[in-house]
Amino acid sequence: MSKTKTRGKMSEKNQSRVKKSDRRQQILLELKLRPHVRINELAQRFNVSNETVRRDFDALSNDGLIARAHGGASAAAQGHYPGLDERTNAQVEERERIGAIAAELIQSGETVMIDSGSTTIEMARALAYIGTPCTIITNSIPVAMTLGHGAAQVLLCPGEYLATESATIGTETLEFLSRFNVDRCMIGSSGFSTDGPSETVRGFAAVKRVMLTRAEKRHLLVDSGKFGRKGLSQVGDLNDLDSIVTDKKPTGELRNAIEGAEVDVLVAG
């Protein structure tokens, strides 16, 4: 076989391969239709090696989107964690105070990433009330709706719709966030310990991690009821934060760890 024909066949083979982002979206879609997918089946379908699919599985597992299983993967187990509606109706006063303090940190003209959560929604309400002109990038539909009719310009992330959280997650969301450099990010978390913030909601840890890497100033909005808790997926270390906005001062080992990491603590009075 001539070199020209060989190159032609190689080119045709490469063209038939599914690119990484599309592969990972198709894996997530497949797991909505059936409980388990196998590496060798997907490798044949995507015209890639088994090792390539393993790397896809590893990435999706690290993002909390799937659970690895022998020879394949399954949909991620959620465990019991209150949904957004339930959390929105709990500790309302604390979250309102946290949101008000956090909103004051945002300056006119800044670009800000805001993730999805009950406390960040309260911050969005406070920011809308203040009327600070800024640019917001968010995966939260309630945050976008709250700020979209005011002084802020809002960019809503694409991605897989997570109905229980009214938010987007997944590969498309992460790729979209990675295109931007912003002045600040405002994130919440399911838990907060000496190891740093952690998350229980499927796919949220990955969104928060990307936001932390793209922001100049990084703020965690967390009520004191989450002190000492650990969610399934680690978001980052204490060193990844510039400040914590909360309703009570941390105590004991958590306070010592925060001070050692030189993270500011802003207490909403």
Protein backbone atom coordinates (compact mmCIF):
# COMPACT_ATOMS: atom_id res chain seq x y z
CA MET A 1 0.00 0.00 0.00
CA SER A 2 1.38 3.40 -0.96
CA LYS A 3 2.11 6.10 1.60
CA THR A 4 -0.58 8.28 0.02
CA LYS A 5 -3.25 5.59 0.49
CA THR A 6 -2.04 4.92 4.03
CA ARG A 7 -2.31 8.59 4.94
CA GLY A 8 -5.77 8.68 3.36
CA LYS A 9 -6.99 5.77 5.47
CA MET A 10 -5.48 7.27 8.63
CA SER A 11 -7.15 10.60 7.85
CA GLU A 12 -10.53 8.91 7.34
CA LYS A 13 -10.12 7.05 10.63
CA ASN A 14 -9.22 10.22 12.52
CA GLN A 15 -12.15 12.09 11.03
CA SER A 16 -14.58 9.42 12.25
CA ARG A 17 -13.47 9.75 15.85
CA VAL A 18 -15.72 11.61 18.25
CA LYS A 19 -14.00 14.54 19.95
CA LYS A 20 -13.47 14.55 23.71
CA SER A 21 -16.23 16.94 24.78
CA ASP A 22 -18.81 15.16 22.60
CA ARG A 23 -17.73 11.75 23.91
CA ARG A 24 -18.21 12.80 27.50
CA GLN A 25 -21.62 14.33 26.81
CA GLN A 26 -22.68 11.11 25.09
CA ILE A 27 -21.47 9.03 28.04
CA LEU A 28 -23.62 11.09 30.42
CA LEU A 29 -26.60 10.80 28.06
CA GLU A 30 -26.14 7.03 27.82
CA LEU A 31 -26.18 6.73 31.63
CA LYS A 32 -29.55 8.45 31.69
CA LEU A 33 -30.91 5.67 29.46
CA ARG A 34 -29.31 2.66 31.14
CA PRO A 35 -27.66 2.03 34.52
CA HIS A 36 -24.21 0.89 33.33
CA VAL A 37 -21.92 1.44 30.33
CA ARG A 38 -18.82 -0.59 29.41
CA ILE A 39 -15.45 0.68 28.26
CA ASN A 40 -15.04 -1.67 25.30
CA GLU A 41 -18.50 -0.88 23.90
CA LEU A 42 -17.91 2.87 24.01
CA ALA A 43 -14.40 2.54 22.57
CA GLN A 44 -15.82 0.79 19.51
CA ARG A 45 -18.64 3.29 19.15
CA PHE A 46 -16.34 6.34 19.42
CA ASN A 47 -13.55 4.72 17.36
CA VAL A 48 -10.98 5.33 20.12
CA SER A 49 -8.86 3.14 22.37
CA ASN A 50 -10.05 1.62 25.65
CA GLU A 51 -7.49 3.81 27.42
CA THR A 52 -9.07 6.96 25.95
CA VAL A 53 -12.48 5.96 27.33
CA ARG A 54 -10.87 5.19 30.71
CA ARG A 55 -9.50 8.73 30.77
CA ASP A 56 -12.99 10.04 29.96
CA PHE A 57 -14.39 7.98 32.84
CA ASP A 58 -11.68 9.23 35.19
CA ALA A 59 -12.40 12.86 34.30
CA LEU A 60 -16.17 12.47 34.69
CA SER A 61 -15.69 10.58 37.97
CA ASN A 62 -13.40 13.33 39.33
CA ASP A 63 -16.11 15.84 38.45
CA GLY A 64 -18.65 13.81 40.44
CA LEU A 65 -20.74 13.05 37.36
CA ILE A 66 -20.35 9.26 37.22
CA ALA A 67 -19.28 6.38 39.47
CA ARG A 68 -16.49 4.10 38.23
CA ALA A 69 -17.28 0.39 38.16
CA HIS A 70 -15.33 -2.69 37.04
CA GLY A 71 -14.97 -2.52 33.28
CA GLY A 72 -17.21 0.51 32.96
CA ALA A 73 -19.17 3.18 34.80
CA SER A 74 -22.55 3.87 36.39
CA ALA A 75 -24.55 6.99 37.13
CA ALA A 76 -23.28 8.81 40.22
CA ALA A 77 -25.11 8.02 43.44
CA GLN A 78 -26.53 11.16 44.99
CA GLY A 79 -26.98 10.12 48.60
CA HIS A 80 -29.38 12.11 50.76
CA TYR A 81 -28.94 15.85 50.56
CA PRO A 82 -31.73 18.46 50.67
CA GLY A 83 -32.67 19.89 47.29
CA LEU A 84 -32.43 23.58 46.43
CA ASP A 85 -36.05 24.32 47.37
CA GLU A 86 -35.65 22.70 50.78
CA ARG A 87 -32.35 24.50 51.46
CA THR A 88 -33.82 27.82 50.36
CA ASN A 89 -36.37 27.63 53.19
CA ALA A 90 -33.79 26.78 55.88
CA GLN A 91 -31.67 29.27 57.88
CA VAL A 92 -33.07 32.14 55.83
CA GLU A 93 -31.91 34.94 58.13
CA GLU A 94 -28.33 33.66 58.25
CA ARG A 95 -28.12 33.34 54.48
CA GLU A 96 -29.64 36.77 53.94
CA ARG A 97 -26.98 38.34 56.16
CA ILE A 98 -24.20 36.43 54.43
CA GLY A 99 -25.57 37.43 51.02
CA ALA A 100 -25.73 41.11 51.95
CA ILE A 101 -22.09 41.21 53.09
CA ALA A 102 -20.88 39.27 50.04
CA ALA A 103 -22.75 41.55 47.62
CA GLU A 104 -20.94 44.57 49.04
CA LEU A 105 -17.60 43.07 48.04
CA ILE A 106 -18.43 43.39 44.34
CA GLN A 107 -17.27 46.67 42.82
CA SER A 108 -18.66 48.57 39.86
CA GLY A 109 -17.42 47.18 36.54
CA GLU A 110 -16.11 43.89 37.94
CA THR A 111 -16.56 40.46 36.39
CA VAL A 112 -17.84 37.81 38.80
CA MET A 113 -18.49 34.07 38.63
CA ILE A 114 -21.33 32.89 40.89
CA ASP A 115 -22.15 29.22 41.37
CA SER A 116 -25.51 27.67 42.19
CA GLY A 117 -26.79 27.41 45.74
CA SER A 118 -29.25 28.80 48.26
CA THR A 119 -26.73 31.24 49.76
CA THR A 120 -25.46 32.54 46.43
CA ILE A 121 -29.08 33.18 45.41
CA GLU A 122 -29.45 35.40 48.50
CA MET A 123 -26.28 37.21 47.47
CA ALA A 124 -27.71 37.75 43.99
CA ARG A 125 -30.86 39.28 45.51
CA ALA A 126 -28.75 41.66 47.61
CA LEU A 127 -26.63 42.58 44.59
CA ALA A 128 -29.74 43.27 42.51
CA TYR A 129 -31.06 45.53 45.26
CA ILE A 130 -27.78 47.49 45.43
CA GLY A 131 -27.76 47.80 41.64
CA THR A 132 -24.00 47.45 41.12
CA PRO A 133 -23.18 47.44 37.39
CA CYS A 134 -21.05 44.35 36.74
CA THR A 135 -20.78 41.23 34.57
CA ILE A 136 -21.99 37.95 36.06
CA ILE A 137 -21.12 34.47 34.79
CA THR A 138 -23.21 31.75 36.43
CA ASN A 139 -24.48 28.20 36.07
CA SER A 140 -27.49 29.03 38.28
CA ILE A 141 -30.78 29.85 36.58
CA PRO A 142 -32.23 31.54 39.72
CA VAL A 143 -29.10 33.73 39.99
CA ALA A 144 -29.38 34.65 36.30
CA MET A 145 -33.09 35.45 36.62
CA THR A 146 -32.52 37.53 39.76
CA LEU A 147 -29.80 39.68 38.21
CA GLY A 148 -30.83 39.63 34.55
CA HIS A 149 -33.31 42.52 34.74
CA GLY A 150 -31.06 44.92 36.64
CA ALA A 151 -27.74 46.69 36.21
CA ALA A 152 -25.73 43.50 35.75
CA GLN A 153 -24.93 41.84 32.44
CA VAL A 154 -25.46 38.09 32.83
CA LEU A 155 -23.84 35.19 30.96
CA LEU A 156 -25.54 31.85 31.64
CA CYS A 157 -23.44 28.69 31.29
CA PRO A 158 -24.57 25.99 28.87
CA GLY A 159 -24.55 22.35 29.97
CA GLU A 160 -26.61 19.50 31.34
CA TYR A 161 -29.66 20.78 33.22
CA LEU A 162 -29.84 19.55 36.82
CA ALA A 163 -33.52 20.08 37.63
CA THR A 164 -33.26 19.62 41.42
CA GLU A 165 -30.78 22.50 41.59
CA SER A 166 -32.04 24.67 38.68
CA ALA A 167 -28.46 24.72 37.41
CA THR A 168 -26.21 23.48 34.64
CA ILE A 169 -23.32 21.06 35.10
CA GLY A 170 -21.04 18.90 32.98
CA THR A 171 -18.36 19.20 30.32
CA GLU A 172 -19.94 22.08 28.40
CA THR A 173 -20.35 24.10 31.61
CA LEU A 174 -16.71 23.59 32.59
CA GLU A 175 -15.40 24.42 29.12
CA PHE A 176 -17.48 27.60 29.01
CA LEU A 177 -16.19 28.78 32.40
CA SER A 178 -12.61 28.06 31.36
CA ARG A 179 -12.81 30.70 28.62
CA PHE A 180 -12.96 33.60 31.10
CA ASN A 181 -10.71 35.39 33.57
CA VAL A 182 -12.70 37.21 36.25
CA ASP A 183 -12.13 39.56 39.17
CA ARG A 184 -14.01 37.43 41.71
CA CYS A 185 -15.86 34.21 42.23
CA MET A 186 -18.56 33.61 44.82
CA ILE A 187 -19.15 29.95 45.65
CA GLY A 188 -21.03 28.02 48.32
CA SER A 189 -20.42 24.49 49.59
CA SER A 190 -22.20 21.57 51.25
CA GLY A 191 -19.45 21.20 53.82
CA PHE A 192 -16.51 23.14 55.20
CA SER A 193 -13.73 21.58 57.26
CA THR A 194 -9.99 21.93 57.93
CA ASP A 195 -9.49 20.29 54.52
CA GLY A 196 -11.41 23.10 52.82
CA PRO A 197 -14.81 23.31 51.09
CA SER A 198 -16.50 20.14 49.81
CA GLU A 199 -19.64 19.38 47.85
CA THR A 200 -22.38 16.74 47.80
CA VAL A 201 -24.47 17.78 44.78
CA ARG A 202 -23.48 15.88 41.63
CA GLY A 203 -21.19 17.88 39.35
CA PHE A 204 -21.01 20.98 41.55
CA ALA A 205 -17.48 20.40 42.87
CA ALA A 206 -16.05 20.54 39.36
CA VAL A 207 -17.86 23.82 38.60
CA LYS A 208 -16.53 25.38 41.81
CA ARG A 209 -12.99 24.18 41.13
CA VAL A 210 -12.95 25.83 37.71
CA MET A 211 -14.36 29.07 39.13
CA LEU A 212 -11.60 29.13 41.76
CA THR A 213 -8.91 28.80 39.08
CA ARG A 214 -10.33 31.58 36.89
CA ALA A 215 -10.82 34.25 39.58
CA GLU A 216 -8.40 36.79 41.03
CA LYS A 217 -10.31 36.96 44.34
CA ARG A 218 -12.06 33.85 45.67
CA HIS A 219 -14.84 33.98 48.25
CA LEU A 220 -16.65 31.13 49.99
CA LEU A 221 -20.17 31.85 51.26
CA VAL A 222 -21.04 29.32 53.94
CA ASP A 223 -23.26 29.30 57.03
CA SER A 224 -21.89 28.02 60.34
CA GLY A 225 -24.15 24.97 60.24
CA LYS A 226 -21.80 23.48 57.64
CA PHE A 227 -18.65 23.86 59.75
CA GLY A 228 -16.99 20.50 60.27
CA ARG A 229 -19.03 18.75 57.59
CA LYS A 230 -17.45 16.96 54.63
CA GLY A 231 -19.24 16.43 51.34
CA LEU A 232 -18.48 13.59 48.94
CA SER A 233 -16.27 15.62 46.56
CA GLN A 234 -13.48 17.92 47.68
CA VAL A 235 -13.63 21.35 46.03
CA GLY A 236 -10.22 22.65 47.08
CA ASP A 237 -7.91 23.55 49.96
CA LEU A 238 -8.18 26.46 52.35
CA ASN A 239 -5.27 28.01 50.44
CA ASP A 240 -7.54 28.27 47.39
CA LEU A 241 -9.67 30.89 49.20
CA ASP A 242 -9.13 34.58 49.88
CA SER A 243 -12.04 35.02 52.24
CA ILE A 244 -14.92 33.22 53.93
CA VAL A 245 -18.23 35.01 54.43
CA THR A 246 -20.25 33.41 57.22
CA ASP A 247 -22.68 34.13 60.05
CA LYS A 248 -20.47 33.03 62.99
CA LYS A 249 -16.74 32.93 63.66
CA PRO A 250 -15.22 29.46 63.29
CA THR A 251 -13.72 27.99 66.45
CA GLY A 252 -11.20 25.33 67.48
CA GLU A 253 -9.24 23.44 64.82
CA LEU A 254 -11.17 25.03 61.96
CA ARG A 255 -10.31 28.53 63.18
CA ASN A 256 -6.64 27.57 63.56
CA ALA A 257 -6.53 26.08 60.07
CA ILE A 258 -8.13 29.19 58.56
CA GLU A 259 -5.68 31.47 60.33
CA GLY A 260 -2.77 29.28 59.23
CA ALA A 261 -3.91 29.58 55.61
CA GLU A 262 -4.20 33.38 56.05
CA VAL A 263 -7.80 33.42 54.84
CA ASP A 264 -9.94 36.39 55.86
CA VAL A 265 -13.16 35.71 57.75
CA LEU A 266 -16.03 38.14 57.24
CA VAL A 267 -18.82 37.66 59.78
CA ALA A 268 -22.28 38.91 58.83
CA GLY A 269 -23.69 40.66 61.90
